[in-house]
């Protein structure tokens, strides 16, 4: 965020779901929501996350129309794929 000149000008929310929804017994009920085919390969899994984040962005936008919302998916190597 420093590189983008946004230091101190944003709030960051990290929503766990990818790995924890797959392995944590507490979240077993989450698994059937999208089905095994939604994570069949990395490209399909990324698309599943993109769709969910799009819906999240729309829901927040309805409640806070003046808020700028950026969504992305962080890979295990720390790289981030942004979704608009």
N, C-alpha and C. Protein backbone atom coordinates (compact mmCIF):
# COMPACT_ATOMS: atom_id res chain seq x y z
N UNK A 1 0.84 -1.19 0.00
CA UNK A 1 0.00 0.00 0.00
C UNK A 1 0.88 1.25 0.00
N UNK A 2 2.09 1.14 0.57
CA UNK A 2 3.02 2.27 0.52
C UNK A 2 3.29 2.68 -0.92
N UNK A 3 3.54 1.69 -1.79
CA UNK A 3 3.85 1.97 -3.19
C UNK A 3 2.70 2.66 -3.90
N UNK A 4 1.50 2.45 -3.43
CA UNK A 4 0.32 3.05 -4.06
C UNK A 4 -0.06 4.39 -3.41
N UNK A 5 0.72 4.82 -2.41
CA UNK A 5 0.43 6.09 -1.74
C UNK A 5 -0.80 6.04 -0.86
N UNK A 6 -1.11 4.86 -0.33
CA UNK A 6 -2.32 4.70 0.46
C UNK A 6 -2.06 4.42 1.94
N UNK A 7 -0.84 4.62 2.39
CA UNK A 7 -0.53 4.37 3.79
C UNK A 7 -1.43 5.19 4.70
N UNK A 8 -2.11 4.51 5.63
CA UNK A 8 -2.98 5.18 6.58
C UNK A 8 -4.31 5.63 6.02
N UNK A 9 -4.62 5.24 4.77
CA UNK A 9 -5.85 5.71 4.14
C UNK A 9 -6.80 4.58 3.76
N UNK A 10 -6.65 3.44 4.39
CA UNK A 10 -7.49 2.31 4.02
C UNK A 10 -7.71 1.39 5.22
N UNK A 11 -8.72 0.56 5.10
CA UNK A 11 -8.95 -0.52 6.06
C UNK A 11 -8.82 -1.82 5.29
N UNK A 12 -8.14 -2.77 5.86
CA UNK A 12 -7.96 -4.05 5.20
C UNK A 12 -8.70 -5.13 5.96
N UNK A 13 -9.46 -5.92 5.23
CA UNK A 13 -10.18 -7.05 5.82
C UNK A 13 -9.70 -8.31 5.14
N UNK A 14 -9.32 -9.27 5.93
CA UNK A 14 -8.90 -10.56 5.40
C UNK A 14 -9.96 -11.57 5.80
N UNK A 15 -10.54 -12.22 4.82
CA UNK A 15 -11.60 -13.17 5.09
C UNK A 15 -11.08 -14.56 4.80
N UNK A 16 -10.91 -15.33 5.86
CA UNK A 16 -10.44 -16.70 5.69
C UNK A 16 -11.54 -17.53 5.06
N UNK A 17 -11.15 -18.51 4.32
CA UNK A 17 -12.16 -19.36 3.73
C UNK A 17 -11.56 -20.44 2.86
N UNK A 18 -10.56 -20.08 2.09
CA UNK A 18 -10.02 -21.03 1.13
C UNK A 18 -9.54 -22.30 1.83
N UNK A 19 -8.44 -22.24 2.50
CA UNK A 19 -7.88 -23.45 3.12
C UNK A 19 -8.69 -23.91 4.32
N UNK A 20 -9.08 -22.98 5.16
CA UNK A 20 -9.79 -23.38 6.38
C UNK A 20 -11.12 -24.05 6.07
N UNK A 21 -11.79 -23.60 5.04
CA UNK A 21 -13.07 -24.20 4.69
C UNK A 21 -12.92 -25.63 4.20
N UNK A 22 -11.73 -25.96 3.72
CA UNK A 22 -11.47 -27.30 3.22
C UNK A 22 -11.07 -28.26 4.33
N UNK A 23 -10.29 -27.78 5.32
CA UNK A 23 -9.72 -28.71 6.29
C UNK A 23 -10.28 -28.65 7.70
N UNK A 24 -10.85 -27.52 8.10
CA UNK A 24 -11.28 -27.37 9.49
C UNK A 24 -12.65 -28.02 9.74
N UNK A 25 -12.74 -28.97 10.66
CA UNK A 25 -14.02 -29.63 10.95
C UNK A 25 -15.12 -28.64 11.34
N UNK A 26 -14.75 -27.56 12.01
CA UNK A 26 -15.75 -26.57 12.45
C UNK A 26 -16.51 -25.98 11.27
N UNK A 27 -15.88 -25.94 10.11
CA UNK A 27 -16.48 -25.30 8.95
C UNK A 27 -16.97 -26.31 7.91
N UNK A 28 -17.23 -27.54 8.32
CA UNK A 28 -17.69 -28.57 7.38
C UNK A 28 -18.94 -28.15 6.62
N UNK A 29 -19.82 -27.40 7.26
CA UNK A 29 -21.06 -26.98 6.61
C UNK A 29 -20.80 -26.07 5.41
N UNK A 30 -19.65 -25.41 5.36
CA UNK A 30 -19.33 -24.54 4.23
C UNK A 30 -19.09 -25.34 2.96
N UNK A 31 -18.52 -26.52 3.09
CA UNK A 31 -18.05 -27.29 1.94
C UNK A 31 -19.13 -27.56 0.91
N UNK A 32 -20.32 -28.04 1.29
CA UNK A 32 -21.34 -28.35 0.28
C UNK A 32 -21.87 -27.13 -0.48
N UNK A 33 -21.64 -25.93 0.03
CA UNK A 33 -22.20 -24.72 -0.59
C UNK A 33 -21.74 -24.56 -2.03
N UNK A 34 -20.53 -24.92 -2.34
CA UNK A 34 -20.00 -24.76 -3.69
C UNK A 34 -19.73 -26.10 -4.37
N UNK A 35 -19.56 -27.17 -3.62
CA UNK A 35 -19.33 -28.49 -4.17
C UNK A 35 -17.88 -28.74 -4.56
N UNK A 36 -17.54 -30.00 -4.68
CA UNK A 36 -16.16 -30.40 -5.00
C UNK A 36 -15.71 -29.87 -6.36
N UNK A 37 -16.64 -29.75 -7.30
CA UNK A 37 -16.26 -29.28 -8.64
C UNK A 37 -15.77 -27.83 -8.63
N UNK A 38 -16.14 -27.07 -7.60
CA UNK A 38 -15.74 -25.66 -7.52
C UNK A 38 -14.26 -25.49 -7.20
N UNK A 39 -13.61 -26.57 -6.79
CA UNK A 39 -12.18 -26.51 -6.50
C UNK A 39 -11.44 -27.62 -7.25
N UNK A 40 -11.99 -28.05 -8.38
CA UNK A 40 -11.44 -29.18 -9.14
C UNK A 40 -10.01 -28.92 -9.64
N UNK A 41 -9.71 -27.70 -9.97
CA UNK A 41 -8.34 -27.33 -10.37
C UNK A 41 -8.14 -25.85 -10.02
N UNK A 42 -6.89 -25.38 -10.05
CA UNK A 42 -6.64 -24.00 -9.62
C UNK A 42 -7.44 -22.94 -10.38
N UNK A 43 -7.61 -23.11 -11.67
CA UNK A 43 -8.35 -22.10 -12.44
C UNK A 43 -9.82 -22.06 -12.03
N UNK A 44 -10.42 -23.21 -11.82
CA UNK A 44 -11.82 -23.26 -11.40
C UNK A 44 -11.97 -22.71 -9.99
N UNK A 45 -11.04 -23.04 -9.11
CA UNK A 45 -11.09 -22.53 -7.74
C UNK A 45 -10.96 -21.01 -7.73
N UNK A 46 -10.05 -20.48 -8.54
CA UNK A 46 -9.90 -19.02 -8.63
C UNK A 46 -11.19 -18.37 -9.11
N UNK A 47 -11.84 -18.96 -10.09
CA UNK A 47 -13.10 -18.42 -10.59
C UNK A 47 -14.18 -18.46 -9.52
N UNK A 48 -14.21 -19.52 -8.72
CA UNK A 48 -15.16 -19.61 -7.62
C UNK A 48 -14.94 -18.46 -6.64
N UNK A 49 -13.69 -18.19 -6.30
CA UNK A 49 -13.38 -17.08 -5.39
C UNK A 49 -13.74 -15.75 -6.03
N UNK A 50 -13.45 -15.59 -7.34
CA UNK A 50 -13.76 -14.34 -8.02
C UNK A 50 -15.26 -14.05 -7.97
N UNK A 51 -16.06 -15.07 -8.21
CA UNK A 51 -17.52 -14.89 -8.17
C UNK A 51 -17.99 -14.51 -6.76
N UNK A 52 -17.45 -15.18 -5.76
CA UNK A 52 -17.84 -14.87 -4.37
C UNK A 52 -17.44 -13.45 -4.00
N UNK A 53 -16.24 -13.05 -4.41
CA UNK A 53 -15.78 -11.69 -4.09
C UNK A 53 -16.57 -10.64 -4.84
N UNK A 54 -17.03 -10.96 -6.05
CA UNK A 54 -17.88 -10.03 -6.80
C UNK A 54 -19.19 -9.81 -6.06
N UNK A 55 -19.78 -10.88 -5.56
CA UNK A 55 -21.02 -10.76 -4.79
C UNK A 55 -20.79 -9.97 -3.51
N UNK A 56 -19.67 -10.21 -2.85
CA UNK A 56 -19.32 -9.47 -1.64
C UNK A 56 -19.21 -7.98 -1.95
N UNK A 57 -18.50 -7.66 -3.04
CA UNK A 57 -18.30 -6.25 -3.41
C UNK A 57 -19.64 -5.58 -3.71
N UNK A 58 -20.56 -6.29 -4.39
CA UNK A 58 -21.88 -5.74 -4.67
C UNK A 58 -22.67 -5.49 -3.39
N UNK A 59 -22.61 -6.43 -2.46
CA UNK A 59 -23.36 -6.29 -1.20
C UNK A 59 -22.85 -5.11 -0.39
N UNK A 60 -21.54 -4.96 -0.31
CA UNK A 60 -20.98 -3.83 0.43
C UNK A 60 -21.32 -2.53 -0.28
N UNK A 61 -21.24 -2.53 -1.61
CA UNK A 61 -21.54 -1.33 -2.39
C UNK A 61 -22.95 -0.84 -2.20
N UNK A 62 -23.89 -1.76 -2.01
CA UNK A 62 -25.28 -1.36 -1.76
C UNK A 62 -25.40 -0.65 -0.41
N UNK A 63 -24.64 -1.10 0.56
CA UNK A 63 -24.73 -0.52 1.91
C UNK A 63 -23.88 0.75 2.05
N UNK A 64 -22.77 0.79 1.33
CA UNK A 64 -21.84 1.91 1.43
C UNK A 64 -21.45 2.36 0.01
N UNK A 65 -22.33 3.03 -0.71
CA UNK A 65 -22.08 3.36 -2.11
C UNK A 65 -20.88 4.27 -2.36
N UNK A 66 -20.43 5.01 -1.38
CA UNK A 66 -19.28 5.91 -1.57
C UNK A 66 -17.94 5.23 -1.26
N UNK A 67 -18.01 4.00 -0.78
CA UNK A 67 -16.81 3.27 -0.39
C UNK A 67 -16.17 2.62 -1.62
N UNK A 68 -14.86 2.79 -1.76
CA UNK A 68 -14.11 2.10 -2.81
C UNK A 68 -13.74 0.73 -2.29
N UNK A 69 -14.06 -0.31 -3.05
CA UNK A 69 -13.83 -1.68 -2.61
C UNK A 69 -12.94 -2.38 -3.62
N UNK A 70 -11.81 -2.90 -3.14
CA UNK A 70 -10.93 -3.69 -3.98
C UNK A 70 -10.90 -5.10 -3.40
N UNK A 71 -10.97 -6.10 -4.27
CA UNK A 71 -10.91 -7.47 -3.81
C UNK A 71 -9.82 -8.21 -4.58
N UNK A 72 -9.22 -9.17 -3.91
CA UNK A 72 -8.18 -9.96 -4.54
C UNK A 72 -8.01 -11.28 -3.83
N UNK A 73 -7.22 -12.13 -4.44
CA UNK A 73 -6.96 -13.45 -3.90
C UNK A 73 -5.45 -13.61 -3.76
N UNK A 74 -4.99 -13.90 -2.54
CA UNK A 74 -3.57 -14.05 -2.29
C UNK A 74 -3.17 -15.52 -2.42
N UNK A 75 -2.15 -15.77 -3.19
CA UNK A 75 -1.60 -17.12 -3.37
C UNK A 75 -0.65 -17.44 -2.21
N UNK A 76 -0.30 -18.69 -2.11
CA UNK A 76 0.61 -19.11 -1.04
C UNK A 76 1.97 -18.43 -1.13
N UNK A 77 2.37 -18.00 -2.33
CA UNK A 77 3.67 -17.32 -2.49
C UNK A 77 3.59 -15.83 -2.16
N UNK A 78 2.40 -15.35 -1.77
CA UNK A 78 2.23 -13.95 -1.40
C UNK A 78 1.79 -13.05 -2.54
N UNK A 79 1.77 -13.55 -3.75
CA UNK A 79 1.30 -12.74 -4.88
C UNK A 79 -0.21 -12.58 -4.77
N UNK A 80 -0.70 -11.47 -5.32
CA UNK A 80 -2.13 -11.17 -5.22
C UNK A 80 -2.70 -10.96 -6.60
N UNK A 81 -3.79 -11.65 -6.89
CA UNK A 81 -4.55 -11.44 -8.12
C UNK A 81 -5.73 -10.57 -7.75
N UNK A 82 -5.79 -9.38 -8.32
CA UNK A 82 -6.86 -8.45 -8.02
C UNK A 82 -8.05 -8.74 -8.92
N UNK A 83 -9.27 -8.55 -8.39
CA UNK A 83 -10.50 -8.71 -9.13
C UNK A 83 -11.25 -7.39 -9.13
N UNK A 84 -11.80 -7.03 -10.27
CA UNK A 84 -12.56 -5.77 -10.32
C UNK A 84 -14.01 -6.05 -10.62
